[in-house]
Amino acid sequence: MESKPGMPNAEAVMALRVAEDVRERASGVPRRHAVMQLLYAVLVSAYMGVFVYTGSAEGDADRSGGTTMALLLPPLVLSSALVEGAAQRFGGRLRAARRYWMAAVAFGVMLVIFLLWSVIGGGYPWWLSLVSLFATLVVFGARPVGVLLRGGAEAARATLSAPLPRGSRVTTVVIGLVFGAICATLFLPVAVWGTVMASMVLMLISAGATSTWGLRSTGWYWGTPQWCAFGISTGAMFLLAALTIATELISPVVSASVGAVIAASLAVTAFLPGRGDDGHDGEGADGASEA
């Protein structure tokens, strides 16, 4: 009688990944998720810095602040759902302590104060944007940094790359097209805000979807190429917003060129390998059928 063949290599890697997930969740130290949360805190801090600068006396919100906000909102909203999807893969989410929610409320009140100060008081000093940036980073980045500092060295994790499912691939391309269109229409207020409103509707629909084209599922399947392209694109949009407000360097040609590069880069990564399916429980098995 022939001996039973050993476990296929792919299945062995999958079993190892599941075992590591169980070990990490039992230890209560979701280090990879803490890294993701720290990067998200950097994004929120950058948003706060640009937002507050827009309303300053030097920011000239009446000239460009309204349209440049269109560069900030979509990446911020999108990243929330994408990070939540990645969090499910990286070992769950960090539970927000009471002081975290108190800080969130405090920053919400601070935003309202800055807005009223800008409208009624005629603007505030620009350096308050730096204060708000670093304060936001400290408050929302302290907890994930604490997790990273408390956790020991994480064992090397076996990875199994796989093409993105069809739904997540389409969603990645659409994100690139939306970002590119916003940059390209930056100097056409009606067009840029029309694009933002349409994209917000799509985001709400996609955020609630459980199939592979949903934002949470897309965040689950994204690998290093997709996250790098998204991070670089978001950074480029934030930089474009800051330079448009603070300088005269940005022209319609420059913004359209940046938009074209962003759209192309995200579209390309949609066809690069992401992370394999190691237990995603969302509906829509089209990704499995594509292999």
C-alpha atoms as a PDB file:
ATOM      1  CA  MET A   1       0.000   0.000   0.000  1.00  0.00           C
ATOM      2  CA  GLU A   2       1.355   3.356  -0.968  1.00  0.00           C
ATOM      3  CA  SER A   3       2.022   5.804   1.816  1.00  0.00           C
ATOM      4  CA  LYS A   4      -0.285   8.729   2.063  1.00  0.00           C
ATOM      5  CA  PRO A   5       1.325  11.805   0.497  1.00  0.00           C
ATOM      6  CA  GLY A   6       2.330  14.569   2.862  1.00  0.00           C
ATOM      7  CA  MET A   7       0.448  17.815   3.251  1.00  0.00           C
ATOM      8  CA  PRO A   8       0.868  20.056   0.192  1.00  0.00           C
ATOM      9  CA  ASN A   9       3.227  22.935   0.732  1.00  0.00           C
ATOM     10  CA  ALA A  10       0.487  25.579   0.308  1.00  0.00           C
ATOM     11  CA  GLU A  11      -1.693  23.853   2.904  1.00  0.00           C
ATOM     12  CA  ALA A  12       1.253  23.585   5.287  1.00  0.00           C
ATOM     13  CA  VAL A  13       1.920  27.317   4.974  1.00  0.00           C
ATOM     14  CA  MET A  14      -1.784  28.015   5.552  1.00  0.00           C
ATOM     15  CA  ALA A  15      -1.830  25.839   8.669  1.00  0.00           C
ATOM     16  CA  LEU A  16       1.240  27.655  10.000  1.00  0.00           C
ATOM     17  CA  ARG A  17      -0.415  31.026   9.452  1.00  0.00           C
ATOM     18  CA  VAL A  18      -3.586  29.917  11.254  1.00  0.00           C
ATOM     19  CA  ALA A  19      -1.526  28.623  14.183  1.00  0.00           C
ATOM     20  CA  GLU A  20       0.336  31.942  14.413  1.00  0.00           C
ATOM     21  CA  ASP A  21      -2.952  33.852  14.325  1.00  0.00           C
ATOM     22  CA  VAL A  22      -4.270  31.791  17.242  1.00  0.00           C
ATOM     23  CA  ARG A  23      -1.057  32.332  19.208  1.00  0.00           C
ATOM     24  CA  GLU A  24      -1.043  36.105  18.608  1.00  0.00           C
ATOM     25  CA  ARG A  25      -4.698  36.561  19.497  1.00  0.00           C
ATOM     26  CA  ALA A  26      -4.261  34.530  22.665  1.00  0.00           C
ATOM     27  CA  SER A  27      -1.332  36.719  23.676  1.00  0.00           C
ATOM     28  CA  GLY A  28      -3.492  39.816  23.370  1.00  0.00           C
ATOM     29  CA  VAL A  29      -0.761  41.728  21.520  1.00  0.00           C
ATOM     30  CA  PRO A  30      -1.990  42.474  17.980  1.00  0.00           C
ATOM     31  CA  ARG A  31       1.309  43.984  16.891  1.00  0.00           C
ATOM     32  CA  ARG A  32       0.622  44.068  13.172  1.00  0.00           C
ATOM     33  CA  HIS A  33      -2.680  45.777  13.792  1.00  0.00           C
ATOM     34  CA  ALA A  34      -0.915  48.261  16.074  1.00  0.00           C
ATOM     35  CA  VAL A  35       1.368  49.174  13.157  1.00  0.00           C
ATOM     36  CA  MET A  36      -1.685  49.749  10.973  1.00  0.00           C
ATOM     37  CA  GLN A  37      -3.317  51.887  13.660  1.00  0.00           C
ATOM     38  CA  LEU A  38      -0.144  53.948  14.046  1.00  0.00           C
ATOM     39  CA  LEU A  39      -0.063  54.643  10.307  1.00  0.00           C
ATOM     40  CA  TYR A  40      -3.725  55.614  10.453  1.00  0.00           C
ATOM     41  CA  ALA A  41      -2.919  58.001  13.322  1.00  0.00           C
ATOM     42  CA  VAL A  42      -0.290  59.618  11.078  1.00  0.00           C
ATOM     43  CA  LEU A  43      -2.949  60.055   8.379  1.00  0.00           C
ATOM     44  CA  VAL A  44      -5.431  61.647  10.785  1.00  0.00           C
ATOM     45  CA  SER A  45      -2.682  63.923  12.140  1.00  0.00           C
ATOM     46  CA  ALA A  46      -1.797  65.078   8.636  1.00  0.00           C
ATOM     47  CA  TYR A  47      -5.467  65.773   7.973  1.00  0.00           C
ATOM     48  CA  MET A  48      -5.694  67.841  11.149  1.00  0.00           C
ATOM     49  CA  GLY A  49      -2.582  69.811  10.247  1.00  0.00           C
ATOM     50  CA  VAL A  50      -3.775  70.717   6.741  1.00  0.00           C
ATOM     51  CA  PHE A  51      -7.340  71.366   7.894  1.00  0.00           C
ATOM     52  CA  VAL A  52      -6.258  73.735  10.658  1.00  0.00           C
ATOM     53  CA  TYR A  53      -3.780  75.495   8.376  1.00  0.00           C
ATOM     54  CA  THR A  54      -6.546  76.089   5.838  1.00  0.00           C
ATOM     55  CA  GLY A  55      -8.457  78.173   8.345  1.00  0.00           C
ATOM     56  CA  SER A  56      -5.458  80.176   9.514  1.00  0.00           C
ATOM     57  CA  ALA A  57      -4.822  83.776   8.556  1.00  0.00           C
ATOM     58  CA  GLU A  58      -2.079  82.613   6.173  1.00  0.00           C
ATOM     59  CA  GLY A  59      -4.121  79.767   4.731  1.00  0.00           C
ATOM     60  CA  ASP A  60      -6.565  81.923   2.780  1.00  0.00           C
ATOM     61  CA  ALA A  61      -9.496  79.514   3.082  1.00  0.00           C
ATOM     62  CA  ASP A  62     -11.681  81.698   0.874  1.00  0.00           C
ATOM     63  CA  ARG A  63      -9.267  81.310  -2.049  1.00  0.00           C
ATOM     64  CA  SER A  64      -8.465  77.623  -2.028  1.00  0.00           C
ATOM     65  CA  GLY A  65      -9.485  75.974   1.211  1.00  0.00           C
ATOM     66  CA  GLY A  66     -12.856  74.779  -0.018  1.00  0.00           C
ATOM     67  CA  THR A  67     -11.565  72.858  -3.006  1.00  0.00           C
ATOM     68  CA  THR A  68      -8.479  71.481  -1.284  1.00  0.00           C
ATOM     69  CA  MET A  69     -10.680  69.833   1.344  1.00  0.00           C
ATOM     70  CA  ALA A  70     -11.830  67.642  -1.521  1.00  0.00           C
ATOM     71  CA  LEU A  71      -8.298  66.224  -1.578  1.00  0.00           C
ATOM     72  CA  LEU A  72      -8.410  65.300   2.111  1.00  0.00           C
ATOM     73  CA  LEU A  73     -11.833  63.820   2.782  1.00  0.00           C
ATOM     74  CA  PRO A  74     -11.949  60.805   0.396  1.00  0.00           C
ATOM     75  CA  PRO A  75      -8.611  59.272   1.515  1.00  0.00           C
ATOM     76  CA  LEU A  76      -9.565  59.758   5.159  1.00  0.00           C
ATOM     77  CA  VAL A  77     -12.983  58.139   4.755  1.00  0.00           C
ATOM     78  CA  LEU A  78     -11.692  55.326   2.559  1.00  0.00           C
ATOM     79  CA  SER A  79      -8.812  54.471   4.859  1.00  0.00           C
ATOM     80  CA  SER A  80     -11.146  53.947   7.815  1.00  0.00           C
ATOM     81  CA  ALA A  81     -12.973  51.036   6.153  1.00  0.00           C
ATOM     82  CA  LEU A  82      -9.817  49.650   4.535  1.00  0.00           C
ATOM     83  CA  VAL A  83      -7.936  49.630   7.851  1.00  0.00           C
ATOM     84  CA  GLU A  84     -10.893  47.964   9.555  1.00  0.00           C
ATOM     85  CA  GLY A  85     -10.752  45.171   6.992  1.00  0.00           C
ATOM     86  CA  ALA A  86      -7.008  44.761   7.463  1.00  0.00           C
ATOM     87  CA  ALA A  87      -7.516  44.737  11.240  1.00  0.00           C
ATOM     88  CA  GLN A  88      -9.587  41.567  10.985  1.00  0.00           C
ATOM     89  CA  ARG A  89      -6.634  39.841   9.330  1.00  0.00           C
ATOM     90  CA  PHE A  90      -4.025  41.315  11.652  1.00  0.00           C
ATOM     91  CA  GLY A  91      -5.563  40.006  14.844  1.00  0.00           C
ATOM     92  CA  GLY A  92      -8.636  42.080  15.638  1.00  0.00           C
ATOM     93  CA  ARG A  93      -8.884  45.660  16.734  1.00  0.00           C
ATOM     94  CA  LEU A  94      -7.590  47.595  19.688  1.00  0.00           C
ATOM     95  CA  ARG A  95     -10.405  48.339  22.071  1.00  0.00           C
ATOM     96  CA  ALA A  96     -10.741  52.041  22.574  1.00  0.00           C
ATOM     97  CA  ALA A  97     -10.384  53.067  26.192  1.00  0.00           C
ATOM     98  CA  ARG A  98     -12.557  55.752  27.764  1.00  0.00           C
ATOM     99  CA  ARG A  99      -9.740  58.284  27.572  1.00  0.00           C
ATOM    100  CA  TYR A 100      -9.473  57.579  23.830  1.00  0.00           C
ATOM    101  CA  TRP A 101     -13.111  58.533  23.263  1.00  0.00           C
ATOM    102  CA  MET A 102     -12.735  61.546  25.522  1.00  0.00           C
ATOM    103  CA  ALA A 103      -9.775  62.650  23.384  1.00  0.00           C
ATOM    104  CA  ALA A 104     -11.810  62.100  20.213  1.00  0.00           C
ATOM    105  CA  VAL A 105     -14.613  64.293  21.553  1.00  0.00           C
ATOM    106  CA  ALA A 106     -12.086  66.924  22.623  1.00  0.00           C
ATOM    107  CA  PHE A 107     -10.587  67.046  19.139  1.00  0.00           C
ATOM    108  CA  GLY A 108     -14.046  67.294  17.613  1.00  0.00           C
ATOM    109  CA  VAL A 109     -14.726  70.313  19.803  1.00  0.00           C
ATOM    110  CA  MET A 110     -11.326  71.725  18.835  1.00  0.00           C
ATOM    111  CA  LEU A 111     -12.219  71.444  15.149  1.00  0.00           C
ATOM    112  CA  VAL A 112     -15.419  73.384  15.740  1.00  0.00           C
ATOM    113  CA  ILE A 113     -13.492  76.065  17.660  1.00  0.00           C
ATOM    114  CA  PHE A 114     -10.966  76.417  14.846  1.00  0.00           C
ATOM    115  CA  LEU A 115     -13.770  76.643  12.294  1.00  0.00           C
ATOM    116  CA  LEU A 116     -15.590  79.366  14.238  1.00  0.00           C
ATOM    117  CA  TRP A 117     -12.309  81.167  14.903  1.00  0.00           C
ATOM    118  CA  SER A 118     -11.573  81.166  11.189  1.00  0.00           C
ATOM    119  CA  VAL A 119     -15.026  82.412  10.164  1.00  0.00           C
ATOM    120  CA  ILE A 120     -15.738  84.881  12.964  1.00  0.00           C
ATOM    121  CA  GLY A 121     -12.284  85.873  14.181  1.00  0.00           C
ATOM    122  CA  GLY A 122     -10.670  86.298  10.790  1.00  0.00           C
ATOM    123  CA  GLY A 123      -8.154  83.511  11.185  1.00  0.00           C
ATOM    124  CA  TYR A 124      -5.558  82.353  13.722  1.00  0.00           C
ATOM    125  CA  PRO A 125      -1.757  81.941  13.596  1.00  0.00           C
ATOM    126  CA  TRP A 126      -0.578  79.268  11.136  1.00  0.00           C
ATOM    127  CA  TRP A 127       1.639  77.538  13.704  1.00  0.00           C
ATOM    128  CA  LEU A 128      -1.455  76.246  15.490  1.00  0.00           C
ATOM    129  CA  SER A 129      -1.683  73.743  12.627  1.00  0.00           C
ATOM    130  CA  LEU A 130       1.624  72.232  13.762  1.00  0.00           C
ATOM    131  CA  VAL A 131       0.388  72.113  17.350  1.00  0.00           C
ATOM    132  CA  SER A 132      -2.777  70.302  16.292  1.00  0.00           C
ATOM    133  CA  LEU A 133      -0.793  67.903  14.080  1.00  0.00           C
ATOM    134  CA  PHE A 134       1.586  66.797  16.832  1.00  0.00           C
ATOM    135  CA  ALA A 135      -1.144  66.758  19.500  1.00  0.00           C
ATOM    136  CA  THR A 136      -3.288  64.482  17.331  1.00  0.00           C
ATOM    137  CA  LEU A 137      -0.353  62.194  16.648  1.00  0.00           C
ATOM    138  CA  VAL A 138       0.461  61.908  20.358  1.00  0.00           C
ATOM    139  CA  VAL A 139      -3.124  61.223  21.443  1.00  0.00           C
ATOM    140  CA  PHE A 140      -4.084  58.730  18.739  1.00  0.00           C
ATOM    141  CA  GLY A 141      -0.629  57.225  18.233  1.00  0.00           C
ATOM    142  CA  ALA A 142       0.269  56.657  21.870  1.00  0.00           C
ATOM    143  CA  ARG A 143      -1.766  53.487  22.288  1.00  0.00           C
ATOM    144  CA  PRO A 144      -0.474  51.571  19.252  1.00  0.00           C
ATOM    145  CA  VAL A 145       3.069  52.693  20.099  1.00  0.00           C
ATOM    146  CA  GLY A 146       2.535  51.315  23.607  1.00  0.00           C
ATOM    147  CA  VAL A 147       1.424  47.975  22.160  1.00  0.00           C
ATOM    148  CA  LEU A 148       4.504  47.842  19.933  1.00  0.00           C
ATOM    149  CA  LEU A 149       6.830  48.689  22.824  1.00  0.00           C
ATOM    150  CA  ARG A 150       5.263  46.137  25.186  1.00  0.00           C
ATOM    151  CA  GLY A 151       5.178  43.314  22.668  1.00  0.00           C
ATOM    152  CA  GLY A 152       8.202  41.132  22.186  1.00  0.00           C
ATOM    153  CA  ALA A 153       9.769  40.357  18.857  1.00  0.00           C
ATOM    154  CA  GLU A 154       7.171  38.872  16.574  1.00  0.00           C
ATOM    155  CA  ALA A 155       7.973  35.557  15.016  1.00  0.00           C
ATOM    156  CA  ALA A 156       8.562  35.498  11.297  1.00  0.00           C
ATOM    157  CA  ARG A 157       5.234  35.018   9.577  1.00  0.00           C
ATOM    158  CA  ALA A 158       4.819  32.777   6.585  1.00  0.00           C
ATOM    159  CA  THR A 159       3.127  34.557   3.742  1.00  0.00           C
ATOM    160  CA  LEU A 160       1.382  33.224   0.683  1.00  0.00           C
ATOM    161  CA  SER A 161       0.843  35.813  -2.020  1.00  0.00           C
ATOM    162  CA  ALA A 162      -2.128  35.474  -4.336  1.00  0.00           C
ATOM    163  CA  PRO A 163      -3.835  37.632  -6.975  1.00  0.00           C
ATOM    164  CA  LEU A 164      -6.518  39.971  -5.682  1.00  0.00           C
ATOM    165  CA  PRO A 165     -10.060  38.649  -6.122  1.00  0.00           C
ATOM    166  CA  ARG A 166     -11.909  40.187  -9.038  1.00  0.00           C
ATOM    167  CA  GLY A 167     -14.065  42.390  -6.789  1.00  0.00           C
ATOM    168  CA  SER A 168     -11.130  43.783  -4.816  1.00  0.00           C
ATOM    169  CA  ARG A 169      -9.214  44.342  -8.037  1.00  0.00           C
ATOM    170  CA  VAL A 170     -12.057  46.424  -9.467  1.00  0.00           C
ATOM    171  CA  THR A 171     -12.388  48.384  -6.221  1.00  0.00           C
ATOM    172  CA  THR A 172      -8.652  49.153  -6.233  1.00  0.00           C
ATOM    173  CA  VAL A 173      -8.852  50.467  -9.790  1.00  0.00           C
ATOM    174  CA  VAL A 174     -11.919  52.577  -8.923  1.00  0.00           C
ATOM    175  CA  ILE A 175     -10.113  54.096  -5.925  1.00  0.00           C
ATOM    176  CA  GLY A 176      -7.276  55.112  -8.224  1.00  0.00           C
ATOM    177  CA  LEU A 177      -9.664  56.608 -10.779  1.00  0.00           C
ATOM    178  CA  VAL A 178     -11.520  58.568  -8.084  1.00  0.00           C
ATOM    179  CA  PHE A 179      -8.312  59.957  -6.599  1.00  0.00           C
ATOM    180  CA  GLY A 180      -7.028  60.837 -10.054  1.00  0.00           C
ATOM    181  CA  ALA A 181     -10.275  62.553 -11.053  1.00  0.00           C
ATOM    182  CA  ILE A 182     -10.290  64.648  -7.873  1.00  0.00           C
ATOM    183  CA  CYS A 183      -6.746  65.859  -8.543  1.00  0.00           C
ATOM    184  CA  ALA A 184      -7.460  66.505 -12.223  1.00  0.00           C
ATOM    185  CA  THR A 185     -10.550  68.640 -11.468  1.00  0.00           C
ATOM    186  CA  LEU A 186      -9.056  70.439  -8.465  1.00  0.00           C
ATOM    187  CA  PHE A 187      -9.339  73.878 -10.085  1.00  0.00           C
ATOM    188  CA  LEU A 188     -12.951  73.276 -11.199  1.00  0.00           C
ATOM    189  CA  PRO A 189     -14.931  73.560  -7.939  1.00  0.00           C
ATOM    190  CA  VAL A 190     -18.219  72.257  -9.331  1.00  0.00           C
ATOM    191  CA  ALA A 191     -16.530  69.286 -10.996  1.00  0.00           C
ATOM    192  CA  VAL A 192     -14.294  68.379  -8.066  1.00  0.00           C
ATOM    193  CA  TRP A 193     -17.096  68.469  -5.510  1.00  0.00           C
ATOM    194  CA  GLY A 194     -19.378  66.578  -7.872  1.00  0.00           C
ATOM    195  CA  THR A 195     -16.702  63.891  -8.069  1.00  0.00           C
ATOM    196  CA  VAL A 196     -16.320  63.861  -4.286  1.00  0.00           C
ATOM    197  CA  MET A 197     -20.062  63.555  -3.678  1.00  0.00           C
ATOM    198  CA  ALA A 198     -20.385  60.727  -6.196  1.00  0.00           C
ATOM    199  CA  SER A 199     -17.390  58.942  -4.650  1.00  0.00           C
ATOM    200  CA  MET A 200     -18.855  59.325  -1.156  1.00  0.00           C
ATOM    201  CA  VAL A 201     -22.025  57.552  -2.279  1.00  0.00           C
ATOM    202  CA  LEU A 202     -19.932  54.733  -3.738  1.00  0.00           C
ATOM    203  CA  MET A 203     -17.899  54.561  -0.522  1.00  0.00           C
ATOM    204  CA  LEU A 204     -21.024  54.201   1.630  1.00  0.00           C
ATOM    205  CA  ILE A 205     -22.296  51.398  -0.566  1.00  0.00           C
ATOM    206  CA  SER A 206     -18.939  49.634  -0.704  1.00  0.00           C
ATOM    207  CA  ALA A 207     -18.252  50.065   3.025  1.00  0.00           C
ATOM    208  CA  GLY A 208     -21.371  48.056   3.862  1.00  0.00           C
ATOM    209  CA  ALA A 209     -20.760  45.314   1.297  1.00  0.00           C
ATOM    210  CA  THR A 210     -19.521  41.902   2.442  1.00  0.00           C
ATOM    211  CA  SER A 211     -18.451  40.633  -0.982  1.00  0.00           C
ATOM    212  CA  THR A 212     -14.897  40.971  -2.283  1.00  0.00           C
ATOM    213  CA  TRP A 213     -15.568  44.379  -3.847  1.00  0.00           C
ATOM    214  CA  GLY A 214     -16.425  45.874  -0.454  1.00  0.00           C
ATOM    215  CA  LEU A 215     -13.896  48.189   1.157  1.00  0.00           C
ATOM    216  CA  ARG A 216     -13.394  45.988   4.210  1.00  0.00           C
ATOM    217  CA  SER A 217     -12.798  42.916   2.073  1.00  0.00           C
ATOM    218  CA  THR A 218     -10.438  44.929  -0.126  1.00  0.00           C
ATOM    219  CA  GLY A 219      -8.445  45.982   2.939  1.00  0.00           C
ATOM    220  CA  TRP A 220      -8.331  42.314   3.959  1.00  0.00           C
ATOM    221  CA  TYR A 221      -6.878  41.199   0.630  1.00  0.00           C
ATOM    222  CA  TRP A 222      -4.485  44.089   0.048  1.00  0.00           C
ATOM    223  CA  GLY A 223      -0.814  43.292   0.353  1.00  0.00           C
ATOM    224  CA  THR A 224       2.294  45.449   0.513  1.00  0.00           C
ATOM    225  CA  PRO A 225       2.086  46.785  -3.094  1.00  0.00           C
ATOM    226  CA  GLN A 226      -1.492  47.981  -2.685  1.00  0.00           C
ATOM    227  CA  TRP A 227      -0.962  49.554   0.733  1.00  0.00           C
ATOM    228  CA  CYS A 228       2.215  51.300  -0.428  1.00  0.00           C
ATOM    229  CA  ALA A 229       0.448  52.713  -3.495  1.00  0.00           C
ATOM    230  CA  PHE A 230      -2.473  53.889  -1.362  1.00  0.00           C
ATOM    231  CA  GLY A 231      -0.169  55.496   1.206  1.00  0.00           C
ATOM    232  CA  ILE A 232       1.926  57.270  -1.413  1.00  0.00           C
ATOM    233  CA  SER A 233      -1.199  58.447  -3.261  1.00  0.00           C
ATOM    234  CA  THR A 234      -2.734  59.768  -0.050  1.00  0.00           C
ATOM    235  CA  GLY A 235       0.504  61.543   0.853  1.00  0.00           C
ATOM    236  CA  ALA A 236       0.643  63.104  -2.620  1.00  0.00           C
ATOM    237  CA  MET A 237      -2.944  64.372  -2.288  1.00  0.00           C
ATOM    238  CA  PHE A 238      -2.269  65.851   1.143  1.00  0.00           C
ATOM    239  CA  LEU A 239       0.917  67.504  -0.111  1.00  0.00           C
ATOM    240  CA  LEU A 240      -0.968  68.832  -3.122  1.00  0.00           C
ATOM    241  CA  ALA A 241      -3.572  70.339  -0.796  1.00  0.00           C
ATOM    242  CA  ALA A 242      -0.943  71.985   1.420  1.00  0.00           C
ATOM    243  CA  LEU A 243       1.017  73.415  -1.506  1.00  0.00           C
ATOM    244  CA  THR A 244      -2.144  74.701  -3.192  1.00  0.00           C
ATOM    245  CA  ILE A 245      -3.086  76.584  -0.040  1.00  0.00           C
ATOM    246  CA  ALA A 246       0.363  77.858   0.914  1.00  0.00           C
ATOM    247  CA  THR A 247       2.034  78.530  -2.443  1.00  0.00           C
ATOM    248  CA  GLU A 248       1.463  79.392  -6.077  1.00  0.00           C
ATOM    249  CA  LEU A 249       3.363  76.347  -7.325  1.00  0.00           C
ATOM    250  CA  ILE A 250       0.337  74.197  -8.160  1.00  0.00           C
ATOM    251  CA  SER A 251      -1.365  74.765 -11.509  1.00  0.00           C
ATOM    252  CA  PRO A 252      -4.125  72.797 -13.259  1.00  0.00           C
ATOM    253  CA  VAL A 253      -1.483  71.002 -15.321  1.00  0.00           C
ATOM    254  CA  VAL A 254       0.438  69.963 -12.200  1.00  0.00           C
ATOM    255  CA  SER A 255      -2.642  68.711 -10.367  1.00  0.00           C
ATOM    256  CA  ALA A 256      -3.859  66.808 -13.446  1.00  0.00           C
ATOM    257  CA  SER A 257      -0.413  65.206 -13.846  1.00  0.00           C
ATOM    258  CA  VAL A 258      -0.394  64.130 -10.207  1.00  0.00           C
ATOM    259  CA  GLY A 259      -3.865  62.691 -10.675  1.00  0.00           C
ATOM    260  CA  ALA A 260      -2.767  60.679 -13.704  1.00  0.00           C
ATOM    261  CA  VAL A 261       0.190  59.205 -11.830  1.00  0.00           C
ATOM    262  CA  ILE A 262      -1.990  58.317  -8.822  1.00  0.00           C
ATOM    263  CA  ALA A 263      -4.641  56.646 -10.969  1.00  0.00           C
ATOM    264  CA  ALA A 264      -2.057  54.669 -12.939  1.00  0.00           C
ATOM    265  CA  SER A 265      -0.128  53.504  -9.858  1.00  0.00           C
ATOM    266  CA  LEU A 266      -3.184  52.174  -8.041  1.00  0.00           C
ATOM    267  CA  ALA A 267      -4.508  50.579 -11.226  1.00  0.00           C
ATOM    268  CA  VAL A 268      -1.198  48.752 -11.736  1.00  0.00           C
ATOM    269  CA  THR A 269      -1.102  47.400  -8.173  1.00  0.00           C
ATOM    270  CA  ALA A 270      -4.614  46.007  -8.642  1.00  0.00           C
ATOM    271  CA  PHE A 271      -3.004  43.356 -10.849  1.00  0.00           C
ATOM    272  CA  LEU A 272      -0.101  42.643  -8.494  1.00  0.00           C
ATOM    273  CA  PRO A 273      -0.277  39.893  -5.849  1.00  0.00           C
ATOM    274  CA  GLY A 274      -1.961  40.678  -2.551  1.00  0.00           C
ATOM    275  CA  ARG A 275      -2.405  38.499   0.508  1.00  0.00           C
ATOM    276  CA  GLY A 276      -3.938  35.074   0.121  1.00  0.00           C
ATOM    277  CA  ASP A 277      -7.270  34.132   1.658  1.00  0.00           C
ATOM    278  CA  ASP A 278      -6.424  32.658   5.062  1.00  0.00           C
ATOM    279  CA  GLY A 279      -9.911  32.667   6.476  1.00  0.00           C
ATOM    280  CA  HIS A 280     -11.798  35.697   5.252  1.00  0.00           C
ATOM    281  CA  ASP A 281     -15.434  35.056   6.088  1.00  0.00           C
ATOM    282  CA  GLY A 282     -16.987  37.594   3.743  1.00  0.00           C
ATOM    283  CA  GLU A 283     -19.390  36.561   1.039  1.00  0.00           C
ATOM    284  CA  GLY A 284     -18.396  36.367  -2.576  1.00  0.00           C
ATOM    285  CA  ALA A 285     -16.098  33.548  -3.447  1.00  0.00           C
ATOM    286  CA  ASP A 286     -15.229  34.892  -6.816  1.00  0.00           C
ATOM    287  CA  GLY A 287     -11.622  35.308  -5.726  1.00  0.00           C
ATOM    288  CA  ALA A 288     -11.345  31.600  -5.029  1.00  0.00           C
ATOM    289  CA  SER A 289     -12.831  30.675  -8.344  1.00  0.00           C
ATOM    290  CA  GLU A 290     -10.349  32.811 -10.241  1.00  0.00           C
ATOM    291  CA  ALA A 291      -7.260  30.883  -9.152  1.00  0.00           C
END
